[in-house]
Amino acid sequence: MQPGIASILHRDTIAALVGTRTFDRGEACFAAGRVLEVTAAAGELRGVVRPQDGSRADYAIRIWVRDDGIAYECSCPVGVTRQFCKHAVALALAHLERERRDAERGIGVLREALATVTHAELVDGLVGLARRDAGLADTLKRLCLDALSRR
């Protein structure tokens, strides 16, 4: 089974793959808001990037996982030669940013939900989880000791 695209696509991986010049150009493309569409599926990322030259058609990009690594294509002149172009970098960065925002929103929702739980319910729930998870129990103990030492 192939890994999902998110498990191997990271800023450092992309930068190492394409080099500083292409990475910087892709980052500028992303920052300029030229990524119009991002679609992620198991083992694949697709998207559309607006060209800098408004007279050109939008570029279609695809990044996917193969048995021997990452594959990529773009409809731009560099991408048709099967090189990881700045548009592919911009697409990957847009995907990573969306994943980061989604993760932050999940934590925000959790924080809001926890605020509705009474102190006693929260303590009882955490103790119940700690009984089943020694690592969590240790983390909670350290958290409590840190809180006591700050008083």
Protein backbone atom coordinates (compact mmCIF):
# COMPACT_ATOMS: atom_id res chain seq x y z
CA MET A 1 0.00 0.00 0.00
CA GLN A 2 1.35 3.43 -0.94
CA PRO A 3 1.63 6.15 1.69
CA GLY A 4 -0.59 9.20 1.51
CA ILE A 5 0.85 12.35 0.00
CA ALA A 6 0.74 14.16 3.35
CA SER A 7 3.05 11.59 4.97
CA ILE A 8 5.95 12.44 2.65
CA LEU A 9 5.30 15.99 1.44
CA HIS A 10 7.02 18.51 3.73
CA ARG A 11 8.67 21.89 3.14
CA ASP A 12 12.15 20.46 3.73
CA THR A 13 11.49 17.54 1.37
CA ILE A 14 10.28 19.86 -1.36
CA ALA A 15 13.20 22.27 -0.89
CA ALA A 16 15.72 19.42 -1.07
CA LEU A 17 14.02 18.00 -4.15
CA VAL A 18 13.89 21.20 -6.21
CA GLY A 19 16.73 23.38 -4.92
CA THR A 20 16.69 26.86 -3.45
CA ARG A 21 15.95 28.85 -6.63
CA THR A 22 12.89 26.83 -7.66
CA PHE A 23 11.66 26.60 -4.08
CA ASP A 24 11.91 30.36 -3.59
CA ARG A 25 10.10 31.00 -6.88
CA GLY A 26 7.37 28.51 -5.91
CA GLU A 27 7.03 30.10 -2.49
CA ALA A 28 6.61 33.53 -4.15
CA CYS A 29 3.98 32.06 -6.49
CA PHE A 30 2.10 30.65 -3.47
CA ALA A 31 2.43 33.90 -1.49
CA ALA A 32 1.05 35.87 -4.45
CA GLY A 33 -2.18 33.85 -4.21
CA ARG A 34 -1.80 32.23 -7.60
CA VAL A 35 -2.87 28.76 -6.43
CA LEU A 36 -6.51 28.58 -7.49
CA GLU A 37 -7.39 25.00 -6.58
CA VAL A 38 -6.00 22.21 -4.39
CA THR A 39 -7.44 18.70 -4.28
CA ALA A 40 -5.87 15.96 -2.17
CA ALA A 41 -6.69 12.27 -2.46
CA ALA A 42 -4.91 9.16 -1.24
CA GLY A 43 -1.40 9.36 -2.65
CA GLU A 44 -2.16 12.29 -4.96
CA LEU A 45 -2.35 16.05 -5.04
CA ARG A 46 -3.90 17.99 -7.93
CA GLY A 47 -4.34 21.68 -8.46
CA VAL A 48 -4.51 24.70 -10.67
CA VAL A 49 -2.14 27.67 -10.62
CA ARG A 50 -2.67 30.97 -12.41
CA PRO A 51 0.34 31.93 -14.56
CA GLN A 52 2.13 35.19 -13.96
CA ASP A 53 1.44 36.08 -17.59
CA GLY A 54 -2.32 36.60 -17.69
CA SER A 55 -2.48 35.74 -21.40
CA ARG A 56 -1.58 32.09 -20.70
CA ALA A 57 -4.00 29.37 -19.67
CA ASP A 58 -3.99 28.22 -16.04
CA TYR A 59 -1.50 25.45 -15.26
CA ALA A 60 -2.74 22.01 -14.19
CA ILE A 61 -0.44 20.29 -11.69
CA ARG A 62 -0.36 16.77 -10.34
CA ILE A 63 1.94 15.33 -7.65
CA TRP A 64 1.59 11.67 -6.73
CA VAL A 65 3.30 8.83 -4.90
CA ARG A 66 4.85 5.99 -6.88
CA ASP A 67 6.66 2.91 -5.63
CA ASP A 68 9.99 4.61 -6.35
CA GLY A 69 9.14 8.02 -4.85
CA ILE A 70 7.28 11.18 -5.80
CA ALA A 71 6.17 11.89 -9.35
CA TYR A 72 5.00 15.23 -10.67
CA GLU A 73 3.73 16.95 -13.77
CA CYS A 74 2.61 20.42 -14.72
CA SER A 75 1.26 21.85 -17.94
CA CYS A 76 3.82 24.70 -17.86
CA PRO A 77 6.89 24.59 -20.16
CA VAL A 78 9.16 23.35 -17.34
CA GLY A 79 6.63 20.84 -16.00
CA VAL A 80 6.04 19.13 -19.35
CA THR A 81 9.71 18.07 -19.20
CA ARG A 82 8.81 16.23 -15.95
CA GLN A 83 10.74 18.65 -13.75
CA PHE A 84 9.36 19.75 -10.38
CA CYS A 85 8.52 23.34 -11.30
CA LYS A 86 7.66 26.38 -9.20
CA HIS A 87 3.94 25.72 -9.78
CA ALA A 88 4.24 22.25 -8.24
CA VAL A 89 6.07 23.84 -5.30
CA ALA A 90 3.28 26.44 -4.94
CA LEU A 91 0.63 23.70 -5.03
CA ALA A 92 2.45 21.65 -2.40
CA LEU A 93 2.84 24.71 -0.14
CA ALA A 94 -0.85 25.56 -0.53
CA HIS A 95 -1.73 22.00 0.48
CA LEU A 96 0.56 22.16 3.52
CA GLU A 97 -0.92 25.52 4.56
CA ARG A 98 -4.45 24.16 4.27
CA GLU A 99 -3.48 21.12 6.37
CA ARG A 100 -1.96 23.43 9.01
CA ARG A 101 -5.07 25.62 9.17
CA ASP A 102 -7.34 22.57 9.37
CA ALA A 103 -5.28 21.17 12.24
CA GLU A 104 -5.41 24.49 14.10
CA ARG A 105 -9.18 24.66 13.66
CA GLY A 106 -9.47 21.16 15.11
CA ILE A 107 -7.58 22.24 18.22
CA GLY A 108 -9.76 25.34 18.49
CA VAL A 109 -12.90 23.21 18.35
CA LEU A 110 -11.46 20.88 20.99
CA ARG A 111 -10.62 23.85 23.25
CA GLU A 112 -14.17 25.19 22.91
CA ALA A 113 -15.68 21.78 23.63
CA LEU A 114 -13.46 21.25 26.70
CA ALA A 115 -14.54 24.63 28.07
CA THR A 116 -18.11 23.27 28.33
CA VAL A 117 -17.08 20.30 30.49
CA THR A 118 -17.14 20.72 34.26
CA HIS A 119 -13.90 20.48 36.19
CA ALA A 120 -14.99 17.20 37.84
CA GLU A 121 -15.99 15.66 34.48
CA LEU A 122 -12.66 16.65 32.96
CA VAL A 123 -10.67 15.21 35.88
CA ASP A 124 -12.68 11.97 35.86
CA GLY A 125 -12.26 11.63 32.10
CA LEU A 126 -8.51 12.23 32.21
CA VAL A 127 -8.01 9.80 35.10
CA GLY A 128 -9.98 7.16 33.19
CA LEU A 129 -7.79 7.65 30.11
CA ALA A 130 -4.61 7.68 32.21
CA ARG A 131 -5.54 4.29 33.71
CA ARG A 132 -5.39 2.84 30.19
CA ASP A 133 -2.38 4.81 28.93
CA ALA A 134 0.79 4.92 31.05
CA GLY A 135 2.36 7.57 28.79
CA LEU A 136 -0.60 9.86 29.27
CA ALA A 137 -0.51 9.21 33.02
CA ASP A 138 3.16 10.26 33.13
CA THR A 139 2.46 13.38 31.06
CA LEU A 140 -0.42 14.38 33.33
CA LYS A 141 1.72 13.84 36.43
CA ARG A 142 4.48 16.07 34.99
CA LEU A 143 1.90 18.71 34.07
CA CYS A 144 0.54 18.71 37.62
CA LEU A 145 4.01 18.89 39.16
CA ASP A 146 4.91 21.81 36.87
CA ALA A 147 1.70 23.62 37.84
CA LEU A 148 2.40 23.06 41.57
CA SER A 149 5.96 24.34 41.24
CA ARG A 150 4.72 27.59 39.64
CA ARG A 151 2.43 28.37 42.62
